[in-house]
Amino acid sequence: MVQALGYQGGAALEILSELSKGDDSQARAAAVTGLGHISSPLEGSILQDRINDRDPEVRRALIRRCDKASGQ
């Protein structure tokens, strides 16, 4: 459900940003995935903040996002 917010475009940027910082690691990972569907200069800085996330699943979601962006 959270990931699908990314298809709402910039309108979902704020909520996904907040979810990416929350206590629930599954919601953070889903928010990172959702952010990958939004083309915004803010998306990069939000994702950059997740690089050192304490949960490996969140970091994996970020890596998948970077791989997708690079065309791999």
Protein backbone atom coordinates (compact mmCIF):
# COMPACT_ATOMS: atom_id res chain seq x y z
CA MET A 1 0.00 0.00 0.00
CA VAL A 2 2.75 2.47 0.95
CA GLN A 3 4.72 1.68 -2.21
CA ALA A 4 1.69 2.54 -4.35
CA LEU A 5 1.75 6.09 -3.03
CA GLY A 6 4.74 6.68 -5.29
CA TYR A 7 2.43 6.44 -8.29
CA GLN A 8 0.59 9.53 -6.99
CA GLY A 9 3.62 11.62 -7.93
CA GLY A 10 4.70 14.73 -6.10
CA ALA A 11 1.49 14.78 -4.08
CA ALA A 12 2.79 11.80 -2.11
CA LEU A 13 6.30 13.13 -1.58
CA GLU A 14 5.68 14.55 1.88
CA ILE A 15 3.93 11.47 3.29
CA LEU A 16 6.54 9.10 1.84
CA SER A 17 9.27 11.28 3.26
CA GLU A 18 7.71 11.07 6.72
CA LEU A 19 7.15 7.31 6.44
CA SER A 20 10.77 6.83 5.40
CA LYS A 21 11.81 8.30 8.77
CA GLY A 22 9.33 6.41 10.96
CA ASP A 23 9.82 3.64 13.49
CA ASP A 24 8.40 0.82 11.34
CA SER A 25 11.18 -0.66 9.21
CA GLN A 26 8.74 -2.24 6.74
CA ALA A 27 7.06 1.12 6.21
CA ARG A 28 10.48 2.78 5.75
CA ALA A 29 11.46 0.21 3.12
CA ALA A 30 8.13 0.58 1.33
CA ALA A 31 8.45 4.36 1.42
CA VAL A 32 11.92 4.15 -0.16
CA THR A 33 10.47 1.96 -2.91
CA GLY A 34 7.57 4.35 -3.40
CA LEU A 35 9.88 7.34 -3.58
CA GLY A 36 11.59 5.64 -6.50
CA HIS A 37 8.48 6.30 -8.60
CA ILE A 38 8.59 10.06 -8.06
CA SER A 39 10.71 12.31 -10.20
CA SER A 40 11.64 15.20 -7.95
CA PRO A 41 14.87 16.88 -6.90
CA LEU A 42 13.78 16.29 -3.29
CA GLU A 43 13.59 12.53 -3.82
CA GLY A 44 17.37 12.24 -3.97
CA SER A 45 17.98 14.04 -0.70
CA ILE A 46 15.28 12.03 1.06
CA LEU A 47 16.79 8.78 -0.17
CA GLN A 48 20.27 9.92 0.74
CA ASP A 49 19.10 10.26 4.35
CA ARG A 50 18.25 6.54 4.34
CA ILE A 51 21.73 5.33 3.33
CA ASN A 52 22.69 4.62 6.92
CA ASP A 53 19.33 3.22 7.99
CA ARG A 54 19.67 0.73 10.83
CA ASP A 55 17.52 -1.87 9.06
CA PRO A 56 19.07 -3.95 6.26
CA GLU A 57 15.75 -4.24 4.39
CA VAL A 58 15.55 -0.46 4.09
CA ARG A 59 19.11 -0.36 2.76
CA ARG A 60 18.28 -3.17 0.30
CA ALA A 61 15.26 -1.18 -0.94
CA LEU A 62 17.56 1.77 -1.47
CA ILE A 63 20.06 -0.37 -3.39
CA ARG A 64 17.27 -1.75 -5.59
CA ARG A 65 16.17 1.83 -6.26
CA CYS A 66 19.70 2.85 -7.23
CA ASP A 67 20.08 -0.21 -9.47
CA LYS A 68 16.80 0.63 -11.20
CA ALA A 69 17.89 4.25 -11.70
CA SER A 70 21.17 3.16 -13.24
CA GLY A 71 19.41 0.75 -15.61
CA GLN A 72 20.74 -2.46 -14.09
